[in-house]
Amino acid sequence: MARGKVQLKRIENPVHRQVTFCKRRAGLLKKAKELSVLCDAEIGIMIFSTHGKLYDLATKGSMEGLIERYMKSTREAQIGEAEAKLNQELQEEIINLKQEIQLLQKGLGYIYGGRTEDMTLDEFHALEKHLEIWMYLIRSAKMQIMFQEIQLLKNKEGILTAANEYLQGKIVEQAGIVEMPPALTGYSYPLTIQNEIFQALGA
């Protein structure tokens, strides 16, 4: 009489489960040894029982050596995959750059009136987008330069104000005048004195 198909599911009876575990474990280790001898293969097996007990087998060498070899092989495979992915990304980037260069060359032909080939509507949209980005970058750079120049002028204005106050104080000190006459406060001619304030103006 033929045996019925065994249904694979967890054995609820703990005694039967332990007996099955021991029999299957022994059969698995035996098959691994036979495979290693017949095919000259290196096989490593680790089994943890329900109670956490470890059973392991290394057909050649040690389990530590097999694990180290496995880790090295895994790392090499990961590096290979990463390199392949990087190469693919670089190739895609090169293709995109070539397409952008071709688009810009066509656009320059239209801008300077010496076009050699027609452009599609999508290419016109793409070129328009590039021009908008360039204009934004140009305006941003221009505003940054203007801001720096304004800041420099403000700094020089502050230095000039400090120098003017310093000179007025010196004049009052030397002349023994408590308050500057109105005519002198509106003095429009430059006054010079050798000190660090005026040296800073030339910087």
C-alpha atoms as a PDB file:
ATOM      1  CA  MET A   1       0.000   0.000   0.000  1.00  0.00           C
ATOM      2  CA  ALA A   2       1.397   3.378  -0.994  1.00  0.00           C
ATOM      3  CA  ARG A   3       2.264   5.881   1.713  1.00  0.00           C
ATOM      4  CA  GLY A   4       0.158   8.997   1.860  1.00  0.00           C
ATOM      5  CA  LYS A   5       1.667  12.422   1.322  1.00  0.00           C
ATOM      6  CA  VAL A   6       3.010  13.867   4.554  1.00  0.00           C
ATOM      7  CA  GLN A   7       1.552  17.265   5.341  1.00  0.00           C
ATOM      8  CA  LEU A   8       4.245  19.740   6.321  1.00  0.00           C
ATOM      9  CA  LYS A   9       3.201  21.577   9.445  1.00  0.00           C
ATOM     10  CA  ARG A  10       4.469  22.044  12.973  1.00  0.00           C
ATOM     11  CA  ILE A  11       4.345  18.881  15.082  1.00  0.00           C
ATOM     12  CA  GLU A  12       2.362  19.742  18.180  1.00  0.00           C
ATOM     13  CA  ASN A  13       3.462  16.784  20.318  1.00  0.00           C
ATOM     14  CA  PRO A  14       6.835  17.802  21.849  1.00  0.00           C
ATOM     15  CA  VAL A  15       8.092  14.209  22.080  1.00  0.00           C
ATOM     16  CA  HIS A  16       7.274  13.431  18.468  1.00  0.00           C
ATOM     17  CA  ARG A  17       8.726  16.792  17.462  1.00  0.00           C
ATOM     18  CA  GLN A  18      12.041  16.088  19.195  1.00  0.00           C
ATOM     19  CA  VAL A  19      12.260  12.588  17.691  1.00  0.00           C
ATOM     20  CA  THR A  20      11.597  13.950  14.206  1.00  0.00           C
ATOM     21  CA  PHE A  21      14.155  16.708  14.717  1.00  0.00           C
ATOM     22  CA  CYS A  22      16.880  14.231  15.677  1.00  0.00           C
ATOM     23  CA  LYS A  23      16.136  11.919  12.753  1.00  0.00           C
ATOM     24  CA  ARG A  24      15.902  14.711  10.162  1.00  0.00           C
ATOM     25  CA  ARG A  25      18.996  16.469  11.514  1.00  0.00           C
ATOM     26  CA  ALA A  26      21.040  13.275  11.307  1.00  0.00           C
ATOM     27  CA  GLY A  27      19.790  12.620   7.777  1.00  0.00           C
ATOM     28  CA  LEU A  28      20.599  16.201   6.683  1.00  0.00           C
ATOM     29  CA  LEU A  29      24.154  16.050   8.041  1.00  0.00           C
ATOM     30  CA  LYS A  30      24.694  12.653   6.446  1.00  0.00           C
ATOM     31  CA  LYS A  31      23.521  13.901   3.048  1.00  0.00           C
ATOM     32  CA  ALA A  32      25.782  16.955   3.371  1.00  0.00           C
ATOM     33  CA  LYS A  33      28.831  14.772   4.036  1.00  0.00           C
ATOM     34  CA  GLU A  34      27.974  12.519   1.085  1.00  0.00           C
ATOM     35  CA  LEU A  35      27.557  15.518  -1.225  1.00  0.00           C
ATOM     36  CA  SER A  36      30.890  16.918  -0.088  1.00  0.00           C
ATOM     37  CA  VAL A  37      32.697  13.622  -0.774  1.00  0.00           C
ATOM     38  CA  LEU A  38      30.998  12.875  -4.090  1.00  0.00           C
ATOM     39  CA  CYS A  39      31.276  16.380  -5.575  1.00  0.00           C
ATOM     40  CA  ASP A  40      34.326  17.732  -3.711  1.00  0.00           C
ATOM     41  CA  ALA A  41      32.218  20.572  -2.359  1.00  0.00           C
ATOM     42  CA  GLU A  42      32.722  22.661   0.756  1.00  0.00           C
ATOM     43  CA  ILE A  43      29.549  22.596   2.817  1.00  0.00           C
ATOM     44  CA  GLY A  44      28.693  24.382   6.045  1.00  0.00           C
ATOM     45  CA  ILE A  45      25.503  23.761   7.986  1.00  0.00           C
ATOM     46  CA  MET A  46      24.267  25.433  11.186  1.00  0.00           C
ATOM     47  CA  ILE A  47      21.149  24.191  12.989  1.00  0.00           C
ATOM     48  CA  PHE A  48      19.588  25.668  16.131  1.00  0.00           C
ATOM     49  CA  SER A  49      17.139  23.490  18.003  1.00  0.00           C
ATOM     50  CA  THR A  50      13.976  24.749  19.696  1.00  0.00           C
ATOM     51  CA  HIS A  51      15.943  25.128  22.933  1.00  0.00           C
ATOM     52  CA  GLY A  52      18.715  27.114  21.197  1.00  0.00           C
ATOM     53  CA  LYS A  53      21.311  24.338  21.015  1.00  0.00           C
ATOM     54  CA  LEU A  54      23.677  24.675  18.070  1.00  0.00           C
ATOM     55  CA  TYR A  55      24.535  21.802  15.701  1.00  0.00           C
ATOM     56  CA  ASP A  56      27.007  22.655  12.962  1.00  0.00           C
ATOM     57  CA  LEU A  57      28.982  20.884  10.276  1.00  0.00           C
ATOM     58  CA  ALA A  58      31.930  22.019   8.149  1.00  0.00           C
ATOM     59  CA  THR A  59      32.911  19.340   5.657  1.00  0.00           C
ATOM     60  CA  LYS A  60      36.286  20.973   4.929  1.00  0.00           C
ATOM     61  CA  GLY A  61      38.238  23.157   7.269  1.00  0.00           C
ATOM     62  CA  SER A  62      36.374  24.985  10.016  1.00  0.00           C
ATOM     63  CA  MET A  63      33.042  26.721  10.270  1.00  0.00           C
ATOM     64  CA  GLU A  64      34.871  30.030  10.941  1.00  0.00           C
ATOM     65  CA  GLY A  65      36.798  29.619   7.685  1.00  0.00           C
ATOM     66  CA  LEU A  66      33.607  28.908   5.754  1.00  0.00           C
ATOM     67  CA  ILE A  67      31.858  31.945   7.283  1.00  0.00           C
ATOM     68  CA  GLU A  68      34.819  34.182   6.438  1.00  0.00           C
ATOM     69  CA  ARG A  69      34.807  32.892   2.871  1.00  0.00           C
ATOM     70  CA  TYR A  70      31.064  33.474   2.645  1.00  0.00           C
ATOM     71  CA  MET A  71      31.403  37.043   3.935  1.00  0.00           C
ATOM     72  CA  LYS A  72      34.198  37.780   1.486  1.00  0.00           C
ATOM     73  CA  SER A  73      32.177  36.373  -1.398  1.00  0.00           C
ATOM     74  CA  THR A  74      29.133  38.394  -0.325  1.00  0.00           C
ATOM     75  CA  ARG A  75      31.174  41.608  -0.100  1.00  0.00           C
ATOM     76  CA  GLU A  76      32.651  41.029  -3.546  1.00  0.00           C
ATOM     77  CA  ALA A  77      29.184  40.426  -4.953  1.00  0.00           C
ATOM     78  CA  GLN A  78      27.887  43.624  -3.328  1.00  0.00           C
ATOM     79  CA  ILE A  79      30.851  45.611  -4.672  1.00  0.00           C
ATOM     80  CA  GLY A  80      30.268  44.164  -8.122  1.00  0.00           C
ATOM     81  CA  GLU A  81      26.600  45.140  -7.993  1.00  0.00           C
ATOM     82  CA  ALA A  82      27.482  48.646  -6.790  1.00  0.00           C
ATOM     83  CA  GLU A  83      30.028  49.087  -9.580  1.00  0.00           C
ATOM     84  CA  ALA A  84      27.552  47.855 -12.166  1.00  0.00           C
ATOM     85  CA  LYS A  85      24.909  50.255 -10.859  1.00  0.00           C
ATOM     86  CA  LEU A  86      27.398  53.127 -10.885  1.00  0.00           C
ATOM     87  CA  ASN A  87      28.458  52.350 -14.443  1.00  0.00           C
ATOM     88  CA  GLN A  88      24.825  52.275 -15.508  1.00  0.00           C
ATOM     89  CA  GLU A  89      24.174  55.642 -13.845  1.00  0.00           C
ATOM     90  CA  LEU A  90      27.269  57.113 -15.508  1.00  0.00           C
ATOM     91  CA  GLN A  91      26.170  55.846 -18.893  1.00  0.00           C
ATOM     92  CA  GLU A  92      22.723  57.371 -18.395  1.00  0.00           C
ATOM     93  CA  GLU A  93      24.331  60.653 -17.327  1.00  0.00           C
ATOM     94  CA  ILE A  94      26.551  60.652 -20.416  1.00  0.00           C
ATOM     95  CA  ILE A  95      23.535  60.067 -22.659  1.00  0.00           C
ATOM     96  CA  ASN A  96      21.634  62.912 -20.956  1.00  0.00           C
ATOM     97  CA  LEU A  97      24.606  65.261 -21.334  1.00  0.00           C
ATOM     98  CA  LYS A  98      24.958  64.407 -25.011  1.00  0.00           C
ATOM     99  CA  GLN A  99      21.281  65.134 -25.550  1.00  0.00           C
ATOM    100  CA  GLU A 100      21.593  68.468 -23.723  1.00  0.00           C
ATOM    101  CA  ILE A 101      24.659  69.408 -25.794  1.00  0.00           C
ATOM    102  CA  GLN A 102      22.800  68.635 -29.014  1.00  0.00           C
ATOM    103  CA  LEU A 103      19.834  70.658 -27.787  1.00  0.00           C
ATOM    104  CA  LEU A 104      22.032  73.643 -26.914  1.00  0.00           C
ATOM    105  CA  GLN A 105      23.806  73.479 -30.262  1.00  0.00           C
ATOM    106  CA  LYS A 106      20.453  73.603 -32.043  1.00  0.00           C
ATOM    107  CA  GLY A 107      19.331  76.447 -29.792  1.00  0.00           C
ATOM    108  CA  LEU A 108      22.463  78.476 -30.516  1.00  0.00           C
ATOM    109  CA  GLY A 109      21.762  78.044 -34.206  1.00  0.00           C
ATOM    110  CA  TYR A 110      18.321  79.602 -33.725  1.00  0.00           C
ATOM    111  CA  ILE A 111      19.655  82.377 -31.483  1.00  0.00           C
ATOM    112  CA  TYR A 112      22.361  83.487 -33.941  1.00  0.00           C
ATOM    113  CA  GLY A 113      20.234  82.915 -37.017  1.00  0.00           C
ATOM    114  CA  GLY A 114      22.391  80.179 -38.489  1.00  0.00           C
ATOM    115  CA  ARG A 115      20.225  77.156 -37.753  1.00  0.00           C
ATOM    116  CA  THR A 116      21.160  73.990 -39.597  1.00  0.00           C
ATOM    117  CA  GLU A 117      18.336  71.676 -38.469  1.00  0.00           C
ATOM    118  CA  ASP A 118      14.783  72.026 -37.217  1.00  0.00           C
ATOM    119  CA  MET A 119      13.739  71.602 -33.599  1.00  0.00           C
ATOM    120  CA  THR A 120      10.701  69.810 -32.236  1.00  0.00           C
ATOM    121  CA  LEU A 121       8.181  71.380 -29.868  1.00  0.00           C
ATOM    122  CA  ASP A 122       9.564  69.354 -26.945  1.00  0.00           C
ATOM    123  CA  GLU A 123      13.068  70.590 -27.731  1.00  0.00           C
ATOM    124  CA  PHE A 124      11.818  74.179 -27.732  1.00  0.00           C
ATOM    125  CA  HIS A 125      10.193  73.633 -24.330  1.00  0.00           C
ATOM    126  CA  ALA A 126      13.402  72.120 -22.966  1.00  0.00           C
ATOM    127  CA  LEU A 127      15.495  74.986 -24.346  1.00  0.00           C
ATOM    128  CA  GLU A 128      13.086  77.520 -22.876  1.00  0.00           C
ATOM    129  CA  LYS A 129      13.419  75.845 -19.477  1.00  0.00           C
ATOM    130  CA  HIS A 130      17.223  75.994 -19.704  1.00  0.00           C
ATOM    131  CA  LEU A 131      17.084  79.695 -20.593  1.00  0.00           C
ATOM    132  CA  GLU A 132      14.831  80.427 -17.622  1.00  0.00           C
ATOM    133  CA  ILE A 133      17.271  78.664 -15.278  1.00  0.00           C
ATOM    134  CA  TRP A 134      20.222  80.560 -16.751  1.00  0.00           C
ATOM    135  CA  MET A 135      18.447  83.896 -16.420  1.00  0.00           C
ATOM    136  CA  TYR A 136      17.662  83.131 -12.783  1.00  0.00           C
ATOM    137  CA  LEU A 137      21.286  82.243 -12.070  1.00  0.00           C
ATOM    138  CA  ILE A 138      22.545  85.349 -13.878  1.00  0.00           C
ATOM    139  CA  ARG A 139      20.168  87.619 -11.962  1.00  0.00           C
ATOM    140  CA  SER A 140      21.141  85.985  -8.666  1.00  0.00           C
ATOM    141  CA  ALA A 141      24.851  86.491  -9.378  1.00  0.00           C
ATOM    142  CA  LYS A 142      24.213  90.094 -10.445  1.00  0.00           C
ATOM    143  CA  MET A 143      22.237  90.858  -7.265  1.00  0.00           C
ATOM    144  CA  GLN A 144      24.979  89.305  -5.143  1.00  0.00           C
ATOM    145  CA  ILE A 145      27.640  91.520  -6.742  1.00  0.00           C
ATOM    146  CA  MET A 146      25.459  94.618  -6.330  1.00  0.00           C
ATOM    147  CA  PHE A 147      24.842  93.780  -2.683  1.00  0.00           C
ATOM    148  CA  GLN A 148      28.576  93.405  -2.058  1.00  0.00           C
ATOM    149  CA  GLU A 149      29.292  96.755  -3.746  1.00  0.00           C
ATOM    150  CA  ILE A 150      26.574  98.491  -1.702  1.00  0.00           C
ATOM    151  CA  GLN A 151      27.964  96.980   1.487  1.00  0.00           C
ATOM    152  CA  LEU A 152      31.453  98.202   0.545  1.00  0.00           C
ATOM    153  CA  LEU A 153      30.136 101.732  -0.053  1.00  0.00           C
ATOM    154  CA  LYS A 154      28.356 101.673   3.317  1.00  0.00           C
ATOM    155  CA  ASN A 155      31.590 100.645   5.018  1.00  0.00           C
ATOM    156  CA  LYS A 156      33.487 103.488   3.337  1.00  0.00           C
ATOM    157  CA  GLU A 157      30.706 105.905   4.287  1.00  0.00           C
ATOM    158  CA  GLY A 158      31.060 104.852   7.906  1.00  0.00           C
ATOM    159  CA  ILE A 159      34.810 105.373   7.781  1.00  0.00           C
ATOM    160  CA  LEU A 160      34.363 108.843   6.224  1.00  0.00           C
ATOM    161  CA  THR A 161      31.816 109.789   8.886  1.00  0.00           C
ATOM    162  CA  ALA A 162      34.155 108.689  11.654  1.00  0.00           C
ATOM    163  CA  ALA A 163      37.037 110.619  10.027  1.00  0.00           C
ATOM    164  CA  ASN A 164      34.909 113.772   9.735  1.00  0.00           C
ATOM    165  CA  GLU A 165      33.931 113.591  13.393  1.00  0.00           C
ATOM    166  CA  TYR A 166      37.538 113.027  14.360  1.00  0.00           C
ATOM    167  CA  LEU A 167      38.706 116.098  12.372  1.00  0.00           C
ATOM    168  CA  GLN A 168      35.981 118.319  13.775  1.00  0.00           C
ATOM    169  CA  GLY A 169      36.978 117.294  17.269  1.00  0.00           C
ATOM    170  CA  LYS A 170      40.615 118.097  16.532  1.00  0.00           C
ATOM    171  CA  ILE A 171      39.678 121.542  15.136  1.00  0.00           C
ATOM    172  CA  VAL A 172      37.589 122.348  18.206  1.00  0.00           C
ATOM    173  CA  GLU A 173      40.391 121.147  20.433  1.00  0.00           C
ATOM    174  CA  GLN A 174      43.069 123.258  18.746  1.00  0.00           C
ATOM    175  CA  ALA A 175      40.967 126.414  18.389  1.00  0.00           C
ATOM    176  CA  GLY A 176      39.506 126.175  21.883  1.00  0.00           C
ATOM    177  CA  ILE A 177      36.002 126.461  20.505  1.00  0.00           C
ATOM    178  CA  VAL A 178      33.211 124.770  22.404  1.00  0.00           C
ATOM    179  CA  GLU A 179      30.749 124.656  19.499  1.00  0.00           C
ATOM    180  CA  MET A 180      31.521 124.619  15.771  1.00  0.00           C
ATOM    181  CA  PRO A 181      30.308 127.695  13.850  1.00  0.00           C
ATOM    182  CA  PRO A 182      27.549 126.977  11.319  1.00  0.00           C
ATOM    183  CA  ALA A 183      29.768 128.038   8.451  1.00  0.00           C
ATOM    184  CA  LEU A 184      32.476 125.540   9.459  1.00  0.00           C
ATOM    185  CA  THR A 185      30.140 122.603   9.843  1.00  0.00           C
ATOM    186  CA  GLY A 186      29.167 122.917   6.176  1.00  0.00           C
ATOM    187  CA  TYR A 187      32.821 122.888   5.102  1.00  0.00           C
ATOM    188  CA  SER A 188      32.933 121.027   1.781  1.00  0.00           C
ATOM    189  CA  TYR A 189      36.682 120.887   1.154  1.00  0.00           C
ATOM    190  CA  PRO A 190      38.538 117.658   2.067  1.00  0.00           C
ATOM    191  CA  LEU A 191      40.734 117.713   5.146  1.00  0.00           C
ATOM    192  CA  THR A 192      43.651 115.351   5.474  1.00  0.00           C
ATOM    193  CA  ILE A 193      45.463 113.887   8.434  1.00  0.00           C
ATOM    194  CA  GLN A 194      47.923 111.004   8.643  1.00  0.00           C
ATOM    195  CA  ASN A 195      46.338 108.378  10.825  1.00  0.00           C
ATOM    196  CA  GLU A 196      44.930 104.877  10.636  1.00  0.00           C
ATOM    197  CA  ILE A 197      41.431 106.062   9.699  1.00  0.00           C
ATOM    198  CA  PHE A 198      42.506 107.446   6.336  1.00  0.00           C
ATOM    199  CA  GLN A 199      44.814 104.524   5.712  1.00  0.00           C
ATOM    200  CA  ALA A 200      41.731 102.297   5.977  1.00  0.00           C
ATOM    201  CA  LEU A 201      40.038 104.254   3.171  1.00  0.00           C
ATOM    202  CA  GLY A 202      42.585 103.124   0.659  1.00  0.00           C
ATOM    203  CA  ALA A 203      41.973  99.477   1.453  1.00  0.00           C
END
